[in-house]
Amino acid sequence: MRPGKRRHRIKLQNLTLTRNTTSGEMKKSWSSFSTDIWAGIEYLKGTEWFAGSRLPQELSQKHLIFTMPYSTGIEPTMRVVYNSKNYDIVEIENTDERDKELKILGELVE
């Protein structure tokens, strides 16, 4: 991908579960995994997505593809923060299995 295509800044966050000491309930909190990542952003149109995807055929504007430099440690339990909106990670693809670029399908959390 040409550098000019990666002109958006995103953040990746980890989910942390902690138990409330008084009630015993599990509480979700998010912590930074990586900040200020330059990424490309694509809105999905209709049914497009990666080959072999397990996702439904129809996708809406609530789904984005984030294209970023390859990085290890990124898990589907994380989320992407872009433009003050949170996107759950649905799927991660190592483009051409070359460890140079990742494509992440994100679904808007409402």
PDB file of N, CA and C in Angstrom:
ATOM      1  N   MET A   1       0.850  -1.180   0.000  1.00  0.00           N
ATOM      2  CA  MET A   1       0.000   0.000   0.000  1.00  0.00           C
ATOM      3  C   MET A   1       0.887   1.233   0.000  1.00  0.00           C
ATOM      4  N   ARG A   2       0.535   2.209  -0.803  1.00  0.00           N
ATOM      5  CA  ARG A   2       1.293   3.458  -0.847  1.00  0.00           C
ATOM      6  C   ARG A   2       1.096   4.222   0.471  1.00  0.00           C
ATOM      7  N   PRO A   3       2.139   4.897   0.944  1.00  0.00           N
ATOM      8  CA  PRO A   3       2.043   5.608   2.221  1.00  0.00           C
ATOM      9  C   PRO A   3       0.903   6.615   2.274  1.00  0.00           C
ATOM     10  N   GLY A   4       0.559   7.268   1.180  1.00  0.00           N
ATOM     11  CA  GLY A   4      -0.515   8.250   1.173  1.00  0.00           C
ATOM     12  C   GLY A   4      -1.878   7.660   1.470  1.00  0.00           C
ATOM     13  N   LYS A   5      -2.032   6.363   1.263  1.00  0.00           N
ATOM     14  CA  LYS A   5      -3.302   5.698   1.559  1.00  0.00           C
ATOM     15  C   LYS A   5      -3.505   5.515   3.054  1.00  0.00           C
ATOM     16  N   ARG A   6      -2.425   5.454   3.805  1.00  0.00           N
ATOM     17  CA  ARG A   6      -2.514   5.302   5.261  1.00  0.00           C
ATOM     18  C   ARG A   6      -2.451   6.677   5.898  1.00  0.00           C
ATOM     19  N   ARG A   7      -3.541   7.396   5.809  1.00  0.00           N
ATOM     20  CA  ARG A   7      -3.550   8.770   6.301  1.00  0.00           C
ATOM     21  C   ARG A   7      -4.465   8.975   7.512  1.00  0.00           C
ATOM     22  N   HIS A   8      -5.015   7.891   8.020  1.00  0.00           N
ATOM     23  CA  HIS A   8      -5.903   7.967   9.176  1.00  0.00           C
ATOM     24  C   HIS A   8      -5.197   7.400  10.400  1.00  0.00           C
ATOM     25  N   ARG A   9      -5.462   8.002  11.540  1.00  0.00           N
ATOM     26  CA  ARG A   9      -4.866   7.502  12.782  1.00  0.00           C
ATOM     27  C   ARG A   9      -5.888   6.670  13.544  1.00  0.00           C
ATOM     28  N   ILE A  10      -5.449   5.480  13.938  1.00  0.00           N
ATOM     29  CA  ILE A  10      -6.303   4.599  14.736  1.00  0.00           C
ATOM     30  C   ILE A  10      -5.559   4.210  16.003  1.00  0.00           C
ATOM     31  N   LYS A  11      -6.307   3.644  16.948  1.00  0.00           N
ATOM     32  CA  LYS A  11      -5.749   3.095  18.177  1.00  0.00           C
ATOM     33  C   LYS A  11      -6.286   1.678  18.340  1.00  0.00           C
ATOM     34  N   LEU A  12      -5.492   0.824  18.945  1.00  0.00           N
ATOM     35  CA  LEU A  12      -5.933  -0.517  19.301  1.00  0.00           C
ATOM     36  C   LEU A  12      -5.999  -0.601  20.815  1.00  0.00           C
ATOM     37  N   GLN A  13      -7.068  -1.241  21.317  1.00  0.00           N
ATOM     38  CA  GLN A  13      -7.238  -1.369  22.753  1.00  0.00           C
ATOM     39  C   GLN A  13      -7.479  -2.822  23.139  1.00  0.00           C
ATOM     40  N   ASN A  14      -6.957  -3.188  24.321  1.00  0.00           N
ATOM     41  CA  ASN A  14      -7.162  -4.513  24.913  1.00  0.00           C
ATOM     42  C   ASN A  14      -8.347  -4.493  25.856  1.00  0.00           C
ATOM     43  N   LEU A  15      -9.086  -5.574  25.883  1.00  0.00           N
ATOM     44  CA  LEU A  15     -10.165  -5.746  26.851  1.00  0.00           C
ATOM     45  C   LEU A  15      -9.581  -6.349  28.119  1.00  0.00           C
ATOM     46  N   THR A  16      -9.910  -5.764  29.252  1.00  0.00           N
ATOM     47  CA  THR A  16      -9.493  -6.286  30.542  1.00  0.00           C
ATOM     48  C   THR A  16     -10.733  -6.515  31.379  1.00  0.00           C
ATOM     49  N   LEU A  17     -10.849  -7.706  31.945  1.00  0.00           N
ATOM     50  CA  LEU A  17     -11.958  -8.020  32.831  1.00  0.00           C
ATOM     51  C   LEU A  17     -11.450  -8.053  34.267  1.00  0.00           C
ATOM     52  N   THR A  18     -12.122  -7.316  35.145  1.00  0.00           N
ATOM     53  CA  THR A  18     -11.769  -7.314  36.566  1.00  0.00           C
ATOM     54  C   THR A  18     -13.009  -7.638  37.378  1.00  0.00           C
ATOM     55  N   ARG A  19     -12.791  -8.315  38.481  1.00  0.00           N
ATOM     56  CA  ARG A  19     -13.913  -8.695  39.341  1.00  0.00           C
ATOM     57  C   ARG A  19     -14.094  -7.632  40.430  1.00  0.00           C
ATOM     58  N   ASN A  20     -15.334  -7.180  40.577  1.00  0.00           N
ATOM     59  CA  ASN A  20     -15.684  -6.251  41.635  1.00  0.00           C
ATOM     60  C   ASN A  20     -15.581  -7.003  42.959  1.00  0.00           C
ATOM     61  N   THR A  21     -14.812  -6.467  43.906  1.00  0.00           N
ATOM     62  CA  THR A  21     -14.575  -7.178  45.159  1.00  0.00           C
ATOM     63  C   THR A  21     -15.812  -7.290  46.041  1.00  0.00           C
ATOM     64  N   THR A  22     -16.732  -6.337  45.942  1.00  0.00           N
ATOM     65  CA  THR A  22     -17.918  -6.390  46.799  1.00  0.00           C
ATOM     66  C   THR A  22     -19.049  -7.202  46.192  1.00  0.00           C
ATOM     67  N   SER A  23     -19.318  -7.025  44.903  1.00  0.00           N
ATOM     68  CA  SER A  23     -20.439  -7.731  44.279  1.00  0.00           C
ATOM     69  C   SER A  23     -20.016  -8.995  43.541  1.00  0.00           C
ATOM     70  N   GLY A  24     -18.746  -9.106  43.203  1.00  0.00           N
ATOM     71  CA  GLY A  24     -18.267 -10.270  42.466  1.00  0.00           C
ATOM     72  C   GLY A  24     -18.531 -10.207  40.973  1.00  0.00           C
ATOM     73  N   GLU A  25     -19.160  -9.142  40.505  1.00  0.00           N
ATOM     74  CA  GLU A  25     -19.456  -8.998  39.081  1.00  0.00           C
ATOM     75  C   GLU A  25     -18.188  -8.681  38.299  1.00  0.00           C
ATOM     76  N   MET A  26     -18.187  -9.143  37.035  1.00  0.00           N
ATOM     77  CA  MET A  26     -17.063  -8.847  36.154  1.00  0.00           C
ATOM     78  C   MET A  26     -17.289  -7.487  35.504  1.00  0.00           C
ATOM     79  N   LYS A  27     -16.236  -6.679  35.478  1.00  0.00           N
ATOM     80  CA  LYS A  27     -16.322  -5.335  34.895  1.00  0.00           C
ATOM     81  C   LYS A  27     -15.359  -5.266  33.719  1.00  0.00           C
ATOM     82  N   LYS A  28     -15.847  -4.720  32.591  1.00  0.00           N
ATOM     83  CA  LYS A  28     -15.014  -4.526  31.402  1.00  0.00           C
ATOM     84  C   LYS A  28     -14.320  -3.179  31.476  1.00  0.00           C
ATOM     85  N   SER A  29     -13.050  -3.183  31.080  1.00  0.00           N
ATOM     86  CA  SER A  29     -12.339  -1.922  30.904  1.00  0.00           C
ATOM     87  C   SER A  29     -11.389  -2.097  29.725  1.00  0.00           C
ATOM     88  N   TRP A  30     -11.045  -0.988  29.113  1.00  0.00           N
ATOM     89  CA  TRP A  30     -10.198  -1.017  27.920  1.00  0.00           C
ATOM     90  C   TRP A  30      -8.906  -0.280  28.209  1.00  0.00           C
ATOM     91  N   SER A  31      -7.793  -0.865  27.773  1.00  0.00           N
ATOM     92  CA  SER A  31      -6.495  -0.221  27.934  1.00  0.00           C
ATOM     93  C   SER A  31      -5.806  -0.149  26.580  1.00  0.00           C
ATOM     94  N   SER A  32      -4.924   0.811  26.438  1.00  0.00           N
ATOM     95  CA  SER A  32      -4.240   1.009  25.159  1.00  0.00           C
ATOM     96  C   SER A  32      -3.268  -0.135  24.885  1.00  0.00           C
ATOM     97  N   PHE A  33      -3.348  -0.688  23.680  1.00  0.00           N
ATOM     98  CA  PHE A  33      -2.391  -1.672  23.190  1.00  0.00           C
ATOM     99  C   PHE A  33      -1.373  -0.968  22.305  1.00  0.00           C
ATOM    100  N   SER A  34      -1.895  -0.112  21.430  1.00  0.00           N
ATOM    101  CA  SER A  34      -1.051   0.643  20.513  1.00  0.00           C
ATOM    102  C   SER A  34      -1.817   1.900  20.098  1.00  0.00           C
ATOM    103  N   THR A  35      -1.133   3.019  20.089  1.00  0.00           N
ATOM    104  CA  THR A  35      -1.805   4.279  19.733  1.00  0.00           C
ATOM    105  C   THR A  35      -1.130   4.907  18.522  1.00  0.00           C
ATOM    106  N   ASP A  36      -1.854   5.776  17.889  1.00  0.00           N
ATOM    107  CA  ASP A  36      -1.364   6.530  16.728  1.00  0.00           C
ATOM    108  C   ASP A  36      -0.778   5.651  15.627  1.00  0.00           C
ATOM    109  N   ILE A  37      -1.577   4.704  15.182  1.00  0.00           N
ATOM    110  CA  ILE A  37      -1.191   3.842  14.071  1.00  0.00           C
ATOM    111  C   ILE A  37      -1.735   4.473  12.799  1.00  0.00           C
ATOM    112  N   TRP A  38      -0.883   4.610  11.798  1.00  0.00           N
ATOM    113  CA  TRP A  38      -1.339   5.121  10.502  1.00  0.00           C
ATOM    114  C   TRP A  38      -1.994   3.975   9.742  1.00  0.00           C
ATOM    115  N   ALA A  39      -3.228   4.192   9.310  1.00  0.00           N
ATOM    116  CA  ALA A  39      -3.977   3.122   8.647  1.00  0.00           C
ATOM    117  C   ALA A  39      -4.804   3.668   7.492  1.00  0.00           C
ATOM    118  N   GLY A  40      -5.087   2.774   6.559  1.00  0.00           N
ATOM    119  CA  GLY A  40      -6.038   3.066   5.501  1.00  0.00           C
ATOM    120  C   GLY A  40      -7.422   2.643   5.963  1.00  0.00           C
ATOM    121  N   ILE A  41      -8.439   3.346   5.523  1.00  0.00           N
ATOM    122  CA  ILE A  41      -9.817   3.051   5.905  1.00  0.00           C
ATOM    123  C   ILE A  41     -10.633   2.813   4.649  1.00  0.00           C
ATOM    124  N   GLU A  42     -11.372   1.708   4.626  1.00  0.00           N
ATOM    125  CA  GLU A  42     -12.265   1.415   3.507  1.00  0.00           C
ATOM    126  C   GLU A  42     -13.641   1.046   4.051  1.00  0.00           C
ATOM    127  N   TYR A  43     -14.670   1.607   3.471  1.00  0.00           N
ATOM    128  CA  TYR A  43     -16.032   1.208   3.803  1.00  0.00           C
ATOM    129  C   TYR A  43     -16.399   0.037   2.908  1.00  0.00           C
ATOM    130  N   LEU A  44     -17.043  -0.962   3.482  1.00  0.00           N
ATOM    131  CA  LEU A  44     -17.453  -2.115   2.691  1.00  0.00           C
ATOM    132  C   LEU A  44     -18.670  -1.768   1.863  1.00  0.00           C
ATOM    133  N   LYS A  45     -18.707  -2.339   0.687  1.00  0.00           N
ATOM    134  CA  LYS A  45     -19.836  -2.122  -0.218  1.00  0.00           C
ATOM    135  C   LYS A  45     -20.522  -3.455  -0.450  1.00  0.00           C
ATOM    136  N   GLY A  46     -21.750  -3.570   0.000  1.00  0.00           N
ATOM    137  CA  GLY A  46     -22.521  -4.783  -0.270  1.00  0.00           C
ATOM    138  C   GLY A  46     -21.932  -6.028   0.349  1.00  0.00           C
ATOM    139  N   THR A  47     -21.419  -6.926  -0.484  1.00  0.00           N
ATOM    140  CA  THR A  47     -21.006  -8.232   0.000  1.00  0.00           C
ATOM    141  C   THR A  47     -19.500  -8.458  -0.009  1.00  0.00           C
ATOM    142  N   GLU A  48     -18.709  -7.441  -0.274  1.00  0.00           N
ATOM    143  CA  GLU A  48     -17.282  -7.700  -0.388  1.00  0.00           C
ATOM    144  C   GLU A  48     -16.637  -7.937   0.972  1.00  0.00           C
ATOM    145  N   TRP A  49     -15.660  -8.769   1.014  1.00  0.00           N
ATOM    146  CA  TRP A  49     -14.801  -9.030   2.158  1.00  0.00           C
ATOM    147  C   TRP A  49     -13.785 -10.053   1.748  1.00  0.00           C
ATOM    148  N   PHE A  50     -12.977 -10.496   2.647  1.00  0.00           N
ATOM    149  CA  PHE A  50     -11.886 -11.401   2.342  1.00  0.00           C
ATOM    150  C   PHE A  50     -12.401 -12.750   1.860  1.00  0.00           C
ATOM    151  N   ALA A  51     -11.608 -13.417   1.057  1.00  0.00           N
ATOM    152  CA  ALA A  51     -11.959 -14.748   0.578  1.00  0.00           C
ATOM    153  C   ALA A  51     -12.076 -15.685   1.772  1.00  0.00           C
ATOM    154  N   GLY A  52     -13.115 -16.505   1.773  1.00  0.00           N
ATOM    155  CA  GLY A  52     -13.296 -17.483   2.833  1.00  0.00           C
ATOM    156  C   GLY A  52     -13.835 -16.913   4.122  1.00  0.00           C
ATOM    157  N   SER A  53     -14.330 -15.708   4.113  1.00  0.00           N
ATOM    158  CA  SER A  53     -14.855 -15.105   5.324  1.00  0.00           C
ATOM    159  C   SER A  53     -16.064 -15.873   5.826  1.00  0.00           C
ATOM    160  N   ARG A  54     -16.213 -15.902   7.142  1.00  0.00           N
ATOM    161  CA  ARG A  54     -17.344 -16.591   7.762  1.00  0.00           C
ATOM    162  C   ARG A  54     -18.487 -15.622   8.037  1.00  0.00           C
ATOM    163  N   LEU A  55     -18.424 -14.452   7.496  1.00  0.00           N
ATOM    164  CA  LEU A  55     -19.408 -13.418   7.806  1.00  0.00           C
ATOM    165  C   LEU A  55     -20.635 -13.520   6.910  1.00  0.00           C
ATOM    166  N   PRO A  56     -21.759 -12.964   7.378  1.00  0.00           N
ATOM    167  CA  PRO A  56     -22.965 -12.939   6.542  1.00  0.00           C
ATOM    168  C   PRO A  56     -22.704 -12.234   5.217  1.00  0.00           C
ATOM    169  N   GLN A  57     -23.469 -12.560   4.224  1.00  0.00           N
ATOM    170  CA  GLN A  57     -23.260 -11.993   2.896  1.00  0.00           C
ATOM    171  C   GLN A  57     -23.522 -10.494   2.848  1.00  0.00           C
ATOM    172  N   GLU A  58     -24.480 -10.020   3.585  1.00  0.00           N
ATOM    173  CA  GLU A  58     -24.804  -8.600   3.532  1.00  0.00           C
ATOM    174  C   GLU A  58     -24.147  -7.855   4.683  1.00  0.00           C
ATOM    175  N   LEU A  59     -23.351  -6.872   4.367  1.00  0.00           N
ATOM    176  CA  LEU A  59     -22.702  -6.046   5.372  1.00  0.00           C
ATOM    177  C   LEU A  59     -23.142  -4.598   5.174  1.00  0.00           C
ATOM    178  N   SER A  60     -23.185  -3.869   6.253  1.00  0.00           N
ATOM    179  CA  SER A  60     -23.676  -2.498   6.166  1.00  0.00           C
ATOM    180  C   SER A  60     -22.529  -1.505   6.313  1.00  0.00           C
ATOM    181  N   GLN A  61     -22.876  -0.239   6.364  1.00  0.00           N
ATOM    182  CA  GLN A  61     -21.894   0.825   6.551  1.00  0.00           C
ATOM    183  C   GLN A  61     -21.309   0.804   7.960  1.00  0.00           C
ATOM    184  N   LYS A  62     -21.756  -0.103   8.798  1.00  0.00           N
ATOM    185  CA  LYS A  62     -21.216  -0.218  10.146  1.00  0.00           C
ATOM    186  C   LYS A  62     -19.898  -0.979  10.147  1.00  0.00           C
ATOM    187  N   HIS A  63     -19.470  -1.460   9.001  1.00  0.00           N
ATOM    188  CA  HIS A  63     -18.245  -2.236   8.897  1.00  0.00           C
ATOM    189  C   HIS A  63     -17.187  -1.463   8.108  1.00  0.00           C
ATOM    190  N   LEU A  64     -15.966  -1.459   8.650  1.00  0.00           N
ATOM    191  CA  LEU A  64     -14.832  -0.822   7.983  1.00  0.00           C
ATOM    192  C   LEU A  64     -13.686  -1.818   7.898  1.00  0.00           C
ATOM    193  N   ILE A  65     -12.852  -1.641   6.891  1.00  0.00           N
ATOM    194  CA  ILE A  65     -11.602  -2.390   6.815  1.00  0.00           C
ATOM    195  C   ILE A  65     -10.479  -1.404   7.133  1.00  0.00           C
ATOM    196  N   PHE A  66      -9.697  -1.746   8.138  1.00  0.00           N
ATOM    197  CA  PHE A  66      -8.536  -0.951   8.531  1.00  0.00           C
ATOM    198  C   PHE A  66      -7.300  -1.671   7.999  1.00  0.00           C
ATOM    199  N   THR A  67      -6.513  -0.998   7.175  1.00  0.00           N
ATOM    200  CA  THR A  67      -5.284  -1.573   6.634  1.00  0.00           C
ATOM    201  C   THR A  67      -4.115  -0.875   7.307  1.00  0.00           C
ATOM    202  N   MET A  68      -3.278  -1.677   7.971  1.00  0.00           N
ATOM    203  CA  MET A  68      -2.189  -1.113   8.767  1.00  0.00           C
ATOM    204  C   MET A  68      -0.926  -1.944   8.597  1.00  0.00           C
ATOM    205  N   PRO A  69       0.219  -1.412   9.015  1.00  0.00           N
ATOM    206  CA  PRO A  69       1.436  -2.216   8.961  1.00  0.00           C
ATOM    207  C   PRO A  69       1.294  -3.454   9.842  1.00  0.00           C
ATOM    208  N   TYR A  70       1.970  -4.509   9.468  1.00  0.00           N
ATOM    209  CA  TYR A  70       1.923  -5.758  10.213  1.00  0.00           C
ATOM    210  C   TYR A  70       2.416  -5.551  11.648  1.00  0.00           C
ATOM    211  N   SER A  71       1.748  -6.210  12.579  1.00  0.00           N
ATOM    212  CA  SER A  71       2.134  -6.162  13.983  1.00  0.00           C
ATOM    213  C   SER A  71       1.708  -7.467  14.630  1.00  0.00           C
ATOM    214  N   THR A  72       2.485  -7.949  15.558  1.00  0.00           N
ATOM    215  CA  THR A  72       2.119  -9.164  16.281  1.00  0.00           C
ATOM    216  C   THR A  72       1.301  -8.811  17.513  1.00  0.00           C
ATOM    217  N   GLY A  73       0.585  -9.785  18.026  1.00  0.00           N
ATOM    218  CA  GLY A  73      -0.148  -9.610  19.267  1.00  0.00           C
ATOM    219  C   GLY A  73      -1.549  -9.071  19.126  1.00  0.00           C
ATOM    220  N   ILE A  74      -2.012  -8.821  17.924  1.00  0.00           N
ATOM    221  CA  ILE A  74      -3.365  -8.305  17.732  1.00  0.00           C
ATOM    222  C   ILE A  74      -4.340  -9.475  17.739  1.00  0.00           C
ATOM    223  N   GLU A  75      -5.366  -9.372  18.575  1.00  0.00           N
ATOM    224  CA  GLU A  75      -6.332 -10.452  18.784  1.00  0.00           C
ATOM    225  C   GLU A  75      -7.751  -9.976  18.490  1.00  0.00           C
ATOM    226  N   PRO A  76      -8.647 -10.916  18.150  1.00  0.00           N
ATOM    227  CA  PRO A  76     -10.044 -10.544  17.893  1.00  0.00           C
ATOM    228  C   PRO A  76     -10.776 -10.001  19.120  1.00  0.00           C
ATOM    229  N   THR A  77     -10.232 -10.174  20.315  1.00  0.00           N
ATOM    230  CA  THR A  77     -10.862  -9.630  21.520  1.00  0.00           C
ATOM    231  C   THR A  77     -10.602  -8.145  21.694  1.00  0.00           C
ATOM    232  N   MET A  78      -9.747  -7.582  20.856  1.00  0.00           N
ATOM    233  CA  MET A  78      -9.413  -6.158  20.927  1.00  0.00           C
ATOM    234  C   MET A  78     -10.444  -5.332  20.164  1.00  0.00           C
ATOM    235  N   ARG A  79     -10.253  -4.034  20.216  1.00  0.00           N
ATOM    236  CA  ARG A  79     -11.085  -3.138  19.413  1.00  0.00           C
ATOM    237  C   ARG A  79     -10.220  -2.048  18.810  1.00  0.00           C
ATOM    238  N   VAL A  80     -10.769  -1.445  17.738  1.00  0.00           N
ATOM    239  CA  VAL A  80     -10.119  -0.329  17.059  1.00  0.00           C
ATOM    240  C   VAL A  80     -10.893   0.932  17.426  1.00  0.00           C
ATOM    241  N   VAL A  81     -10.173   1.991  17.730  1.00  0.00           N
ATOM    242  CA  VAL A  81     -10.793   3.298  17.969  1.00  0.00           C
ATOM    243  C   VAL A  81     -10.391   4.192  16.809  1.00  0.00           C
ATOM    244  N   TYR A  82     -11.401   4.689  16.101  1.00  0.00           N
ATOM    245  CA  TYR A  82     -11.170   5.565  14.959  1.00  0.00           C
ATOM    246  C   TYR A  82     -12.216   6.671  14.971  1.00  0.00           C
ATOM    247  N   ASN A  83     -11.767   7.898  14.891  1.00  0.00           N
ATOM    248  CA  ASN A  83     -12.668   9.042  14.803  1.00  0.00           C
ATOM    249  C   ASN A  83     -13.640   9.077  15.984  1.00  0.00           C
ATOM    250  N   SER A  84     -13.135   8.757  17.176  1.00  0.00           N
ATOM    251  CA  SER A  84     -13.902   8.728  18.421  1.00  0.00           C
ATOM    252  C   SER A  84     -15.007   7.673  18.433  1.00  0.00           C
ATOM    253  N   LYS A  85     -14.917   6.688  17.555  1.00  0.00           N
ATOM    254  CA  LYS A  85     -15.877   5.591  17.526  1.00  0.00           C
ATOM    255  C   LYS A  85     -15.135   4.283  17.759  1.00  0.00           C
ATOM    256  N   ASN A  86     -15.818   3.334  18.392  1.00  0.00           N
ATOM    257  CA  ASN A  86     -15.227   2.040  18.702  1.00  0.00           C
ATOM    258  C   ASN A  86     -15.720   0.978  17.725  1.00  0.00           C
ATOM    259  N   TYR A  87     -14.782   0.151  17.255  1.00  0.00           N
ATOM    260  CA  TYR A  87     -15.080  -0.930  16.320  1.00  0.00           C
ATOM    261  C   TYR A  87     -14.552  -2.242  16.879  1.00  0.00           C
ATOM    262  N   ASP A  88     -15.454  -3.188  17.114  1.00  0.00           N
ATOM    263  CA  ASP A  88     -15.024  -4.522  17.516  1.00  0.00           C
ATOM    264  C   ASP A  88     -14.302  -5.175  16.353  1.00  0.00           C
ATOM    265  N   ILE A  89     -13.250  -5.921  16.653  1.00  0.00           N
ATOM    266  CA  ILE A  89     -12.533  -6.643  15.608  1.00  0.00           C
ATOM    267  C   ILE A  89     -13.281  -7.928  15.305  1.00  0.00           C
ATOM    268  N   VAL A  90     -13.703  -8.067  14.053  1.00  0.00           N
ATOM    269  CA  VAL A  90     -14.444  -9.242  13.610  1.00  0.00           C
ATOM    270  C   VAL A  90     -13.497 -10.272  13.011  1.00  0.00           C
ATOM    271  N   GLU A  91     -12.530  -9.791  12.240  1.00  0.00           N
ATOM    272  CA  GLU A  91     -11.607 -10.690  11.563  1.00  0.00           C
ATOM    273  C   GLU A  91     -10.303  -9.951  11.261  1.00  0.00           C
ATOM    274  N   ILE A  92      -9.209 -10.714  11.278  1.00  0.00           N
ATOM    275  CA  ILE A  92      -7.879 -10.160  10.992  1.00  0.00           C
ATOM    276  C   ILE A  92      -7.256 -10.980   9.876  1.00  0.00           C
ATOM    277  N   GLU A  93      -6.702 -10.299   8.883  1.00  0.00           N
ATOM    278  CA  GLU A  93      -6.051 -10.996   7.765  1.00  0.00           C
ATOM    279  C   GLU A  93      -4.631 -10.472   7.598  1.00  0.00           C
ATOM    280  N   ASN A  94      -3.670 -11.386   7.552  1.00  0.00           N
ATOM    281  CA  ASN A  94      -2.283 -11.070   7.244  1.00  0.00           C
ATOM    282  C   ASN A  94      -2.185 -11.107   5.718  1.00  0.00           C
ATOM    283  N   THR A  95      -2.180  -9.947   5.082  1.00  0.00           N
ATOM    284  CA  THR A  95      -2.248  -9.847   3.623  1.00  0.00           C
ATOM    285  C   THR A  95      -1.160 -10.684   2.965  1.00  0.00           C
ATOM    286  N   ASP A  96      -1.570 -11.602   2.124  1.00  0.00           N
ATOM    287  CA  ASP A  96      -0.680 -12.494   1.377  1.00  0.00           C
ATOM    288  C   ASP A  96       0.269 -13.280   2.268  1.00  0.00           C
ATOM    289  N   GLU A  97      -0.032 -13.368   3.578  1.00  0.00           N
ATOM    290  CA  GLU A  97       0.804 -14.107   4.541  1.00  0.00           C
ATOM    291  C   GLU A  97       2.273 -13.678   4.467  1.00  0.00           C
ATOM    292  N   ARG A  98       2.490 -12.379   4.229  1.00  0.00           N
ATOM    293  CA  ARG A  98       3.865 -11.879   4.061  1.00  0.00           C
ATOM    294  C   ARG A  98       4.368 -11.088   5.261  1.00  0.00           C
ATOM    295  N   ASP A  99       3.557 -10.958   6.316  1.00  0.00           N
ATOM    296  CA  ASP A  99       3.942 -10.225   7.527  1.00  0.00           C
ATOM    297  C   ASP A  99       4.357  -8.788   7.241  1.00  0.00           C
ATOM    298  N   LYS A 100       3.663  -8.158   6.283  1.00  0.00           N
ATOM    299  CA  LYS A 100       3.945  -6.756   5.957  1.00  0.00           C
ATOM    300  C   LYS A 100       2.738  -5.863   6.236  1.00  0.00           C
ATOM    301  N   GLU A 101       1.537  -6.445   6.143  1.00  0.00           N
ATOM    302  CA  GLU A 101       0.319  -5.639   6.242  1.00  0.00           C
ATOM    303  C   GLU A 101      -0.792  -6.480   6.858  1.00  0.00           C
ATOM    304  N   LEU A 102      -1.603  -5.824   7.687  1.00  0.00           N
ATOM    305  CA  LEU A 102      -2.789  -6.464   8.256  1.00  0.00           C
ATOM    306  C   LEU A 102      -4.023  -5.750   7.765  1.00  0.00           C
ATOM    307  N   LYS A 103      -5.061  -6.523   7.490  1.00  0.00           N
ATOM    308  CA  LYS A 103      -6.377  -5.958   7.217  1.00  0.00           C
ATOM    309  C   LYS A 103      -7.282  -6.437   8.336  1.00  0.00           C
ATOM    310  N   ILE A 104      -7.946  -5.480   8.958  1.00  0.00           N
ATOM    311  CA  ILE A 104      -8.819  -5.777  10.094  1.00  0.00           C
ATOM    312  C   ILE A 104     -10.227  -5.353   9.748  1.00  0.00           C
ATOM    313  N   LEU A 105     -11.159  -6.289   9.844  1.00  0.00           N
ATOM    314  CA  LEU A 105     -12.572  -5.958   9.663  1.00  0.00           C
ATOM    315  C   LEU A 105     -13.113  -5.531  11.008  1.00  0.00           C
ATOM    316  N   GLY A 106     -13.631  -4.303  11.060  1.00  0.00           N
ATOM    317  CA  GLY A 106     -14.187  -3.773  12.301  1.00  0.00           C
ATOM    318  C   GLY A 106     -15.669  -3.508  12.155  1.00  0.00           C
ATOM    319  N   GLU A 107     -16.396  -3.783  13.242  1.00  0.00           N
ATOM    320  CA  GLU A 107     -17.841  -3.528  13.268  1.00  0.00           C
ATOM    321  C   GLU A 107     -18.117  -2.459  14.319  1.00  0.00           C
ATOM    322  N   LEU A 108     -18.830  -1.426  13.919  1.00  0.00           N
ATOM    323  CA  LEU A 108     -19.127  -0.301  14.791  1.00  0.00           C
ATOM    324  C   LEU A 108     -19.907  -0.770  16.020  1.00  0.00           C
ATOM    325  N   VAL A 109     -19.455  -0.333  17.197  1.00  0.00           N
ATOM    326  CA  VAL A 109     -20.140  -0.638  18.448  1.00  0.00           C
ATOM    327  C   VAL A 109     -21.106   0.506  18.714  1.00  0.00           C
ATOM    328  N   GLU A 110     -22.361   0.169  18.858  1.00  0.00           N
ATOM    329  CA  GLU A 110     -23.362   1.230  19.102  1.00  0.00           C
ATOM    330  C   GLU A 110     -23.881   1.174  20.513  1.00  0.00           C
TER     331      GLU A 110
END
